[in-house]
Amino acid sequence: AFETLTGYSSAEAVGLKCPYPWWPPEMSAQFAGEDNTDSEVELRRYERCYRKKNGEPFWIVTNIRYVRDKDNQVSRISNWQDITESKLVADRIRDLYEQEKELRQELEEEAKARGMFIDILAHELKTPMTPILASSGMLQEIMQADTPSVRTKLVDNIYDSAQTMVQRLEELLDLAR
C-alpha cells in the first residue's frame, strides 16, 4: 500500500530518517525535529499533503505513535490513511460552491436590473396615459349628454382601452416590485 501510495519501493524506504523524500521541501525544515518527545509513549495525529516519487500530491491522515525505549531511543509506529480522494472531492465542492455563489450574485444583479427596467418602463408608459384618460373621460361625459352616436361609441372605446392599459401597467409595476 505504501509503494502504491508514494511510488517509493519498500527497499527505498527502509532505514530512512527525516527528511523523507515524500515530504515537500517546506515540510522538511518544519518537521525535521519531530522525533523529540519527552514521554515514553506519545501519539500524534497529522493531516498532511505529501509528494509521490513522480511529484504528484497525495493527502493522508497519519497517526504516529512515538515510543522511547529504555536506552532512550525513539521508535515510530505510523499508520496512514489515504484521504486524497476526499480532499479532491472537498476541493471540487468548494470550487462548485464558489461558482454557484458567483452565478447567484450575477442572477440577483440581473433580476434587480430587470426589475428597475420594468419599473421605469411602466412609469414611462403610464405618464402619457394620464392625460389620455382625463381627456377621454371628459369627452365621454360631454358626448353622453348628446344622443348616442358613433362618436360616443368611439370615445367610450378610447376611454375603456386607456383604462385597460393603465390596469396592465399597474400589474407590470406589481410584477416589478
N, C-alpha and C. Protein backbone atom coordinates (compact mmCIF):
# COMPACT_ATOMS: atom_id res chain seq x y z
N ALA A 1 0.85 -1.20 0.00
CA ALA A 1 0.00 0.00 0.00
C ALA A 1 0.89 1.25 0.00
N PHE A 2 1.96 1.21 0.78
CA PHE A 2 2.89 2.33 0.82
C PHE A 2 3.50 2.58 -0.55
N GLU A 3 3.93 1.52 -1.20
CA GLU A 3 4.54 1.65 -2.52
C GLU A 3 3.56 2.24 -3.53
N THR A 4 2.32 1.76 -3.49
CA THR A 4 1.28 2.26 -4.40
C THR A 4 1.00 3.74 -4.13
N LEU A 5 0.93 4.10 -2.87
CA LEU A 5 0.59 5.46 -2.48
C LEU A 5 1.71 6.45 -2.79
N THR A 6 2.95 6.08 -2.48
CA THR A 6 4.07 7.03 -2.59
C THR A 6 4.86 6.91 -3.88
N GLY A 7 4.87 5.72 -4.47
CA GLY A 7 5.71 5.48 -5.64
C GLY A 7 7.12 5.05 -5.26
N TYR A 8 7.42 5.00 -3.97
CA TYR A 8 8.72 4.54 -3.50
C TYR A 8 8.62 3.06 -3.15
N SER A 9 9.66 2.32 -3.43
CA SER A 9 9.68 0.90 -3.07
C SER A 9 10.00 0.75 -1.59
N SER A 10 9.68 -0.41 -1.05
CA SER A 10 9.99 -0.69 0.35
C SER A 10 11.48 -0.59 0.58
N ALA A 11 12.26 -1.08 -0.37
CA ALA A 11 13.71 -1.04 -0.24
C ALA A 11 14.22 0.40 -0.14
N GLU A 12 13.58 1.30 -0.87
CA GLU A 12 13.99 2.71 -0.83
C GLU A 12 13.62 3.36 0.51
N ALA A 13 12.56 2.86 1.16
CA ALA A 13 12.05 3.49 2.37
C ALA A 13 12.66 2.95 3.65
N VAL A 14 13.13 1.72 3.66
CA VAL A 14 13.65 1.11 4.89
C VAL A 14 14.89 1.86 5.35
N GLY A 15 14.89 2.22 6.62
CA GLY A 15 16.05 2.86 7.22
C GLY A 15 16.16 4.35 6.98
N LEU A 16 15.20 4.94 6.29
CA LEU A 16 15.27 6.38 6.04
C LEU A 16 15.05 7.16 7.33
N LYS A 17 15.68 8.31 7.39
CA LYS A 17 15.48 9.24 8.51
C LYS A 17 14.99 10.57 7.92
N CYS A 18 14.47 11.44 8.79
CA CYS A 18 13.99 12.76 8.36
C CYS A 18 15.11 13.52 7.69
N PRO A 19 14.85 14.28 6.69
CA PRO A 19 13.57 14.46 5.98
C PRO A 19 13.36 13.34 4.97
N TYR A 20 12.13 12.91 4.86
CA TYR A 20 11.79 11.81 3.97
C TYR A 20 11.58 12.34 2.55
N PRO A 21 11.88 11.54 1.56
CA PRO A 21 11.79 12.04 0.18
C PRO A 21 10.36 12.38 -0.25
N TRP A 22 9.36 11.85 0.39
CA TRP A 22 7.97 12.16 0.01
C TRP A 22 7.50 13.46 0.66
N TRP A 23 8.28 13.99 1.57
CA TRP A 23 7.93 15.27 2.18
C TRP A 23 8.19 16.40 1.19
N PRO A 24 7.29 17.37 1.12
CA PRO A 24 7.59 18.55 0.32
C PRO A 24 8.73 19.33 1.00
N PRO A 25 9.55 20.06 0.24
CA PRO A 25 10.72 20.74 0.81
C PRO A 25 10.40 21.63 2.01
N GLU A 26 9.28 22.37 1.96
CA GLU A 26 8.96 23.27 3.07
C GLU A 26 8.67 22.51 4.37
N MET A 27 8.28 21.25 4.25
CA MET A 27 7.94 20.45 5.42
C MET A 27 9.19 19.89 6.09
N SER A 28 10.21 19.65 5.32
CA SER A 28 11.44 19.06 5.87
C SER A 28 12.00 19.93 6.98
N ALA A 29 12.09 21.22 6.75
CA ALA A 29 12.63 22.12 7.76
C ALA A 29 11.69 22.23 8.96
N GLN A 30 10.38 22.22 8.68
CA GLN A 30 9.39 22.40 9.73
C GLN A 30 9.33 21.21 10.69
N PHE A 31 9.45 20.00 10.16
CA PHE A 31 9.23 18.81 10.98
C PHE A 31 10.47 17.93 11.16
N ALA A 32 11.62 18.44 10.85
CA ALA A 32 12.84 17.63 10.95
C ALA A 32 13.06 17.14 12.37
N GLY A 33 12.67 17.92 13.36
CA GLY A 33 12.90 17.50 14.75
C GLY A 33 11.67 16.93 15.41
N GLU A 34 10.76 16.34 14.67
CA GLU A 34 9.51 15.89 15.27
C GLU A 34 9.66 14.62 16.11
N ASP A 35 10.83 13.99 16.08
CA ASP A 35 11.05 12.82 16.94
C ASP A 35 11.25 13.23 18.40
N ASN A 36 11.38 14.51 18.65
CA ASN A 36 11.61 14.97 20.02
C ASN A 36 10.36 14.75 20.84
N THR A 37 10.45 13.91 21.79
CA THR A 37 9.34 13.65 22.70
C THR A 37 9.93 13.36 24.07
N ASP A 38 9.27 13.88 25.07
CA ASP A 38 9.77 13.67 26.43
C ASP A 38 9.13 12.46 27.09
N SER A 39 8.00 12.03 26.58
CA SER A 39 7.29 10.92 27.21
C SER A 39 7.76 9.58 26.64
N GLU A 40 7.46 8.51 27.37
CA GLU A 40 7.82 7.18 26.88
C GLU A 40 7.01 6.80 25.66
N VAL A 41 5.70 7.15 25.69
CA VAL A 41 4.82 6.85 24.57
C VAL A 41 4.01 8.11 24.27
N GLU A 42 4.00 8.51 23.03
CA GLU A 42 3.23 9.69 22.64
C GLU A 42 2.56 9.42 21.31
N LEU A 43 1.28 9.82 21.18
CA LEU A 43 0.53 9.65 19.94
C LEU A 43 0.28 11.01 19.33
N ARG A 44 0.58 11.15 18.06
CA ARG A 44 0.32 12.40 17.34
C ARG A 44 -0.48 12.07 16.08
N ARG A 45 -1.32 13.01 15.70
CA ARG A 45 -2.16 12.84 14.51
C ARG A 45 -1.96 14.05 13.61
N TYR A 46 -1.70 13.77 12.34
CA TYR A 46 -1.46 14.83 11.36
C TYR A 46 -2.30 14.59 10.11
N GLU A 47 -2.70 15.67 9.50
CA GLU A 47 -3.31 15.62 8.16
C GLU A 47 -2.38 16.43 7.27
N ARG A 48 -1.76 15.75 6.31
CA ARG A 48 -0.73 16.42 5.52
C ARG A 48 -0.81 16.02 4.05
N CYS A 49 -0.23 16.92 3.26
CA CYS A 49 -0.07 16.65 1.83
C CYS A 49 1.38 16.29 1.57
N TYR A 50 1.60 15.15 0.96
CA TYR A 50 2.94 14.69 0.62
C TYR A 50 3.07 14.65 -0.90
N ARG A 51 4.24 14.27 -1.36
CA ARG A 51 4.51 14.17 -2.80
C ARG A 51 4.96 12.75 -3.14
N LYS A 52 4.35 12.20 -4.18
CA LYS A 52 4.78 10.90 -4.68
C LYS A 52 6.16 11.04 -5.32
N LYS A 53 6.75 9.94 -5.63
CA LYS A 53 8.07 9.96 -6.26
C LYS A 53 8.04 10.76 -7.57
N ASN A 54 6.90 10.70 -8.27
CA ASN A 54 6.76 11.43 -9.54
C ASN A 54 6.34 12.90 -9.34
N GLY A 55 6.21 13.34 -8.07
CA GLY A 55 5.86 14.73 -7.78
C GLY A 55 4.39 14.99 -7.56
N GLU A 56 3.56 14.01 -7.84
CA GLU A 56 2.11 14.17 -7.69
C GLU A 56 1.74 14.23 -6.20
N PRO A 57 0.86 15.16 -5.82
CA PRO A 57 0.50 15.27 -4.40
C PRO A 57 -0.47 14.17 -3.97
N PHE A 58 -0.39 13.80 -2.70
CA PHE A 58 -1.38 12.92 -2.10
C PHE A 58 -1.56 13.32 -0.65
N TRP A 59 -2.79 13.16 -0.16
CA TRP A 59 -3.14 13.56 1.21
C TRP A 59 -3.31 12.32 2.07
N ILE A 60 -2.79 12.42 3.30
CA ILE A 60 -3.00 11.32 4.24
C ILE A 60 -3.28 11.89 5.63
N VAL A 61 -3.96 11.08 6.42
CA VAL A 61 -4.05 11.31 7.86
C VAL A 61 -3.07 10.32 8.45
N THR A 62 -2.15 10.82 9.25
CA THR A 62 -1.13 9.99 9.85
C THR A 62 -1.34 9.93 11.35
N ASN A 63 -1.42 8.74 11.88
CA ASN A 63 -1.40 8.53 13.32
C ASN A 63 -0.02 7.97 13.63
N ILE A 64 0.77 8.72 14.39
CA ILE A 64 2.13 8.31 14.70
C ILE A 64 2.25 8.09 16.21
N ARG A 65 2.72 6.93 16.55
CA ARG A 65 2.99 6.64 17.95
C ARG A 65 4.51 6.61 18.11
N TYR A 66 4.98 7.51 18.96
CA TYR A 66 6.41 7.58 19.27
C TYR A 66 6.64 6.77 20.54
N VAL A 67 7.59 5.87 20.49
CA VAL A 67 7.89 5.02 21.64
C VAL A 67 9.37 5.18 21.98
N ARG A 68 9.64 5.53 23.22
CA ARG A 68 11.01 5.68 23.68
C ARG A 68 11.36 4.42 24.49
N ASP A 69 12.44 3.77 24.11
CA ASP A 69 12.83 2.55 24.83
C ASP A 69 13.73 2.89 26.00
N LYS A 70 14.18 1.86 26.73
CA LYS A 70 14.98 2.07 27.94
C LYS A 70 16.34 2.71 27.65
N ASP A 71 16.81 2.59 26.40
CA ASP A 71 18.07 3.22 26.02
C ASP A 71 17.85 4.63 25.45
N ASN A 72 16.64 5.13 25.63
CA ASN A 72 16.27 6.47 25.20
C ASN A 72 16.22 6.62 23.67
N GLN A 73 16.09 5.53 22.97
CA GLN A 73 15.95 5.56 21.51
C GLN A 73 14.46 5.71 21.19
N VAL A 74 14.14 6.57 20.22
CA VAL A 74 12.75 6.80 19.84
C VAL A 74 12.44 5.99 18.59
N SER A 75 11.38 5.20 18.69
CA SER A 75 10.88 4.47 17.53
C SER A 75 9.55 5.08 17.14
N ARG A 76 9.19 4.88 15.90
CA ARG A 76 7.96 5.47 15.39
C ARG A 76 7.12 4.37 14.74
N ILE A 77 5.88 4.30 15.15
CA ILE A 77 4.91 3.41 14.51
C ILE A 77 3.90 4.32 13.85
N SER A 78 3.77 4.20 12.54
CA SER A 78 2.95 5.14 11.79
C SER A 78 1.85 4.40 11.03
N ASN A 79 0.66 4.94 11.09
CA ASN A 79 -0.49 4.40 10.36
C ASN A 79 -1.00 5.50 9.44
N TRP A 80 -1.05 5.21 8.14
CA TRP A 80 -1.50 6.20 7.17
C TRP A 80 -2.88 5.84 6.65
N GLN A 81 -3.68 6.87 6.46
CA GLN A 81 -4.98 6.69 5.81
C GLN A 81 -5.02 7.66 4.64
N ASP A 82 -5.16 7.13 3.44
CA ASP A 82 -5.20 7.95 2.23
C ASP A 82 -6.53 8.71 2.17
N ILE A 83 -6.44 10.03 2.18
CA ILE A 83 -7.66 10.87 2.09
C ILE A 83 -7.60 11.76 0.85
N THR A 84 -6.77 11.37 -0.10
CA THR A 84 -6.59 12.18 -1.31
C THR A 84 -7.91 12.40 -2.03
N GLU A 85 -8.66 11.32 -2.23
CA GLU A 85 -9.91 11.45 -2.97
C GLU A 85 -10.90 12.35 -2.24
N SER A 86 -11.00 12.20 -0.93
CA SER A 86 -11.94 13.05 -0.20
C SER A 86 -11.48 14.51 -0.23
N LYS A 87 -10.18 14.76 -0.22
CA LYS A 87 -9.66 16.13 -0.35
C LYS A 87 -10.00 16.70 -1.72
N LEU A 88 -9.81 15.87 -2.76
CA LEU A 88 -10.12 16.34 -4.12
C LEU A 88 -11.61 16.64 -4.25
N VAL A 89 -12.45 15.77 -3.67
CA VAL A 89 -13.90 15.99 -3.70
C VAL A 89 -14.24 17.27 -2.93
N ALA A 90 -13.63 17.44 -1.77
CA ALA A 90 -13.89 18.66 -0.97
C ALA A 90 -13.46 19.90 -1.74
N ASP A 91 -12.30 19.83 -2.42
CA ASP A 91 -11.85 20.97 -3.23
C ASP A 91 -12.83 21.24 -4.36
N ARG A 92 -13.31 20.18 -5.00
CA ARG A 92 -14.28 20.33 -6.10
C ARG A 92 -15.58 20.94 -5.60
N ILE A 93 -16.03 20.48 -4.44
CA ILE A 93 -17.26 21.03 -3.85
C ILE A 93 -17.06 22.51 -3.53
N ARG A 94 -15.89 22.86 -2.98
CA ARG A 94 -15.60 24.25 -2.66
C ARG A 94 -15.59 25.09 -3.93
N ASP A 95 -14.97 24.57 -5.00
CA ASP A 95 -14.94 25.29 -6.27
C ASP A 95 -16.35 25.47 -6.84
N LEU A 96 -17.15 24.40 -6.79
CA LEU A 96 -18.52 24.48 -7.29
C LEU A 96 -19.35 25.46 -6.47
N TYR A 97 -19.13 25.46 -5.16
CA TYR A 97 -19.85 26.39 -4.30
C TYR A 97 -19.50 27.83 -4.68
N GLU A 98 -18.22 28.11 -4.91
CA GLU A 98 -17.81 29.46 -5.31
C GLU A 98 -18.42 29.85 -6.65
N GLN A 99 -18.45 28.89 -7.60
CA GLN A 99 -19.07 29.17 -8.90
C GLN A 99 -20.55 29.46 -8.72
N GLU A 100 -21.22 28.65 -7.91
CA GLU A 100 -22.66 28.83 -7.67
C GLU A 100 -22.91 30.18 -7.01
N LYS A 101 -22.06 30.57 -6.08
CA LYS A 101 -22.21 31.85 -5.39
C LYS A 101 -22.06 33.01 -6.38
N GLU A 102 -21.08 32.91 -7.26
CA GLU A 102 -20.88 33.96 -8.27
C GLU A 102 -22.07 34.03 -9.23
N LEU A 103 -22.55 32.86 -9.67
CA LEU A 103 -23.69 32.83 -10.58
C LEU A 103 -24.95 33.39 -9.90
N ARG A 104 -25.14 33.02 -8.64
CA ARG A 104 -26.31 33.52 -7.91
C ARG A 104 -26.24 35.03 -7.79
N GLN A 105 -25.05 35.57 -7.52
CA GLN A 105 -24.89 37.01 -7.41
C GLN A 105 -25.18 37.69 -8.75
N GLU A 106 -24.67 37.10 -9.83
CA GLU A 106 -24.94 37.65 -11.16
C GLU A 106 -26.44 37.63 -11.46
N LEU A 107 -27.11 36.52 -11.13
CA LEU A 107 -28.55 36.42 -11.38
C LEU A 107 -29.33 37.44 -10.55
N GLU A 108 -28.92 37.64 -9.30
CA GLU A 108 -29.60 38.62 -8.46
C GLU A 108 -29.43 40.03 -9.03
N GLU A 109 -28.22 40.33 -9.50
CA GLU A 109 -27.98 41.65 -10.11
C GLU A 109 -28.79 41.81 -11.38
N GLU A 110 -28.85 40.74 -12.18
CA GLU A 110 -29.63 40.79 -13.42
C GLU A 110 -31.12 40.95 -13.12
N ALA A 111 -31.62 40.24 -12.13
CA ALA A 111 -33.03 40.36 -11.76
C ALA A 111 -33.34 41.77 -11.25
N LYS A 112 -32.40 42.32 -10.49
CA LYS A 112 -32.59 43.68 -9.98
C LYS A 112 -32.62 44.68 -11.14
N ALA A 113 -31.71 44.50 -12.11
CA ALA A 113 -31.67 45.39 -13.27
C ALA A 113 -32.96 45.26 -14.09
N ARG A 114 -33.43 44.02 -14.26
CA ARG A 114 -34.70 43.83 -15.00
C ARG A 114 -35.85 44.52 -14.28
N GLY A 115 -35.89 44.34 -12.97
CA GLY A 115 -36.96 44.97 -12.18
C GLY A 115 -36.94 46.48 -12.33
N MET A 116 -35.74 47.06 -12.27
CA MET A 116 -35.62 48.51 -12.44
C MET A 116 -36.08 48.93 -13.84
N PHE A 117 -35.69 48.13 -14.85
CA PHE A 117 -36.10 48.45 -16.23
C PHE A 117 -37.62 48.40 -16.37
N ILE A 118 -38.23 47.36 -15.84
CA ILE A 118 -39.69 47.22 -15.93
C ILE A 118 -40.37 48.37 -15.19
N ASP A 119 -39.83 48.73 -14.03
CA ASP A 119 -40.40 49.82 -13.25
C ASP A 119 -40.34 51.13 -14.02
N ILE A 120 -39.18 51.43 -14.60
CA ILE A 120 -39.01 52.66 -15.39
C ILE A 120 -39.92 52.64 -16.62
N LEU A 121 -39.96 51.49 -17.30
CA LEU A 121 -40.79 51.36 -18.49
C LEU A 121 -42.26 51.60 -18.16
N ALA A 122 -42.71 50.97 -17.08
CA ALA A 122 -44.12 51.12 -16.71
C ALA A 122 -44.44 52.59 -16.39
N HIS A 123 -43.56 53.25 -15.66
CA HIS A 123 -43.80 54.66 -15.34
C HIS A 123 -43.78 55.53 -16.60
N GLU A 124 -42.86 55.23 -17.51
CA GLU A 124 -42.78 55.99 -18.76
C GLU A 124 -44.05 55.80 -19.60
N LEU A 125 -44.61 54.59 -19.58
CA LEU A 125 -45.84 54.35 -20.35
C LEU A 125 -47.07 54.93 -19.64
N LYS A 126 -47.01 54.97 -18.33
CA LYS A 126 -48.16 55.46 -17.56
C LYS A 126 -48.29 56.98 -17.68
N THR A 127 -47.18 57.68 -17.81
CA THR A 127 -47.21 59.15 -17.86
C THR A 127 -48.10 59.67 -19.00
N PRO A 128 -47.96 59.20 -20.25
CA PRO A 128 -48.85 59.72 -21.29
C PRO A 128 -50.28 59.20 -21.18
N MET A 129 -50.49 58.15 -20.42
CA MET A 129 -51.84 57.60 -20.29
C MET A 129 -52.74 58.51 -19.44
N THR A 130 -52.15 59.23 -18.51
CA THR A 130 -52.94 60.08 -17.61
C THR A 130 -53.72 61.15 -18.38
N PRO A 131 -53.10 61.94 -19.27
CA PRO A 131 -53.91 62.93 -19.99
C PRO A 131 -54.90 62.29 -20.98
N ILE A 132 -54.52 61.11 -21.52
CA ILE A 132 -55.45 60.43 -22.44
C ILE A 132 -56.72 60.05 -21.67
N LEU A 133 -56.51 59.47 -20.47
CA LEU A 133 -57.68 59.09 -19.65
C LEU A 133 -58.51 60.31 -19.25
N ALA A 134 -57.84 61.34 -18.80
CA ALA A 134 -58.57 62.54 -18.36
C ALA A 134 -59.35 63.17 -19.52
N SER A 135 -58.70 63.32 -20.66
CA SER A 135 -59.36 63.94 -21.82
C SER A 135 -60.50 63.08 -22.33
N SER A 136 -60.25 61.77 -22.47
CA SER A 136 -61.32 60.91 -22.99
C SER A 136 -62.47 60.80 -21.99
N GLY A 137 -62.19 60.87 -20.70
CA GLY A 137 -63.25 60.86 -19.67
C GLY A 137 -64.12 62.09 -19.76
N MET A 138 -63.48 63.25 -19.93
CA MET A 138 -64.24 64.49 -20.07
C MET A 138 -65.05 64.47 -21.36
N LEU A 139 -64.45 64.02 -22.46
CA LEU A 139 -65.12 63.93 -23.74
C LEU A 139 -66.30 62.96 -23.65
N GLN A 140 -66.11 61.89 -22.92
CA GLN A 140 -67.17 60.89 -22.75
C GLN A 140 -68.38 61.51 -22.03
N GLU A 141 -68.13 62.29 -20.99
CA GLU A 141 -69.22 62.94 -20.26
C GLU A 141 -69.98 63.92 -21.16
N ILE A 142 -69.22 64.68 -21.96
CA ILE A 142 -69.86 65.64 -22.87
C ILE A 142 -70.69 64.91 -23.92
N MET A 143 -70.14 63.85 -24.49
CA MET A 143 -70.82 63.11 -25.56
C MET A 143 -72.06 62.38 -25.04
N GLN A 144 -72.05 61.93 -23.80
CA GLN A 144 -73.20 61.19 -23.29
C GLN A 144 -74.39 62.13 -23.05
N ALA A 145 -74.12 63.40 -22.91
CA ALA A 145 -75.22 64.36 -22.76
C ALA A 145 -76.00 64.46 -24.07
N ASP A 146 -75.31 64.28 -25.19
CA ASP A 146 -75.97 64.27 -26.50
C ASP A 146 -76.58 62.89 -26.72
N THR A 147 -77.22 62.74 -27.84
CA THR A 147 -77.81 61.45 -28.18
C THR A 147 -76.70 60.48 -28.55
N PRO A 148 -76.87 59.16 -28.26
CA PRO A 148 -75.84 58.16 -28.60
C PRO A 148 -75.56 58.15 -30.08
N SER A 149 -74.33 58.08 -30.40
CA SER A 149 -73.94 58.07 -31.80
C SER A 149 -72.65 57.27 -31.95
N VAL A 150 -72.14 57.23 -33.16
CA VAL A 150 -70.89 56.52 -33.45
C VAL A 150 -69.75 57.20 -32.69
N ARG A 151 -69.79 58.52 -32.59
CA ARG A 151 -68.74 59.25 -31.89
C ARG A 151 -68.71 58.87 -30.41
N THR A 152 -69.88 58.69 -29.82
CA THR A 152 -69.95 58.31 -28.41
C THR A 152 -69.34 56.93 -28.21
N LYS A 153 -69.61 56.01 -29.13
CA LYS A 153 -69.04 54.66 -29.04
C LYS A 153 -67.51 54.71 -29.18
N LEU A 154 -67.00 55.56 -30.06
CA LEU A 154 -65.56 55.69 -30.24
C LEU A 154 -64.90 56.26 -28.98
N VAL A 155 -65.53 57.26 -28.40
CA VAL A 155 -64.99 57.86 -27.17
C VAL A 155 -64.99 56.84 -26.05
N ASP A 156 -66.08 56.07 -25.94
CA ASP A 156 -66.14 55.01 -24.91
C ASP A 156 -65.03 53.98 -25.12
N ASN A 157 -64.80 53.63 -26.38
CA ASN A 157 -63.76 52.66 -26.71
C ASN A 157 -62.37 53.19 -26.31
N ILE A 158 -62.10 54.46 -26.60
CA ILE A 158 -60.81 55.07 -26.23
C ILE A 158 -60.64 55.04 -24.71
N TYR A 159 -61.68 55.44 -24.02
CA TYR A 159 -61.61 55.50 -22.55
C TYR A 159 -61.41 54.11 -21.96
N ASP A 160 -62.20 53.14 -22.41
CA ASP A 160 -62.09 51.77 -21.88
C ASP A 160 -60.71 51.17 -22.18
N SER A 161 -60.19 51.43 -23.38
CA SER A 161 -58.87 50.90 -23.74
C SER A 161 -57.77 51.54 -22.90
N ALA A 162 -57.90 52.83 -22.66
CA ALA A 162 -56.92 53.54 -21.83
C ALA A 162 -56.96 53.00 -20.40
N GLN A 163 -58.16 52.72 -19.90
CA GLN A 163 -58.32 52.14 -18.56
C GLN A 163 -57.66 50.76 -18.50
N THR A 164 -57.86 49.96 -19.53
CA THR A 164 -57.25 48.63 -19.59
C THR A 164 -55.72 48.75 -19.61
N MET A 165 -55.22 49.71 -20.38
CA MET A 165 -53.77 49.92 -20.46
C MET A 165 -53.22 50.30 -19.09
N VAL A 166 -53.89 51.19 -18.37
CA VAL A 166 -53.45 51.59 -17.03
C VAL A 166 -53.46 50.39 -16.09
N GLN A 167 -54.49 49.55 -16.19
CA GLN A 167 -54.57 48.36 -15.35
C GLN A 167 -53.39 47.41 -15.63
N ARG A 168 -53.05 47.22 -16.89
CA ARG A 168 -51.91 46.36 -17.26
C ARG A 168 -50.59 46.95 -16.75
N LEU A 169 -50.49 48.28 -16.83
CA LEU A 169 -49.28 48.93 -16.32
C LEU A 169 -49.16 48.76 -14.80
N GLU A 170 -50.29 48.85 -14.10
CA GLU A 170 -50.28 48.60 -12.66
C GLU A 170 -49.83 47.16 -12.36
N GLU A 171 -50.31 46.22 -13.15
CA GLU A 171 -49.89 44.82 -12.98
C GLU A 171 -48.39 44.67 -13.25
N LEU A 172 -47.90 45.38 -14.25
CA LEU A 172 -46.47 45.35 -14.58
C LEU A 172 -45.64 45.93 -13.43
N LEU A 173 -46.12 47.03 -12.85
CA LEU A 173 -45.43 47.60 -11.71
C LEU A 173 -45.44 46.66 -10.51
N ASP A 174 -46.57 45.99 -10.27
CA ASP A 174 -46.63 44.99 -9.19
C ASP A 174 -45.64 43.88 -9.42
N LEU A 175 -45.54 43.43 -10.66
CA LEU A 175 -44.60 42.37 -11.02
C LEU A 175 -43.15 42.83 -10.78
N ALA A 176 -42.86 44.07 -11.12
CA ALA A 176 -41.52 44.61 -10.92
C ALA A 176 -41.17 44.68 -9.43
N ARG A 177 -42.16 44.98 -8.61
CA ARG A 177 -41.94 45.03 -7.16
C ARG A 177 -41.73 43.65 -6.61
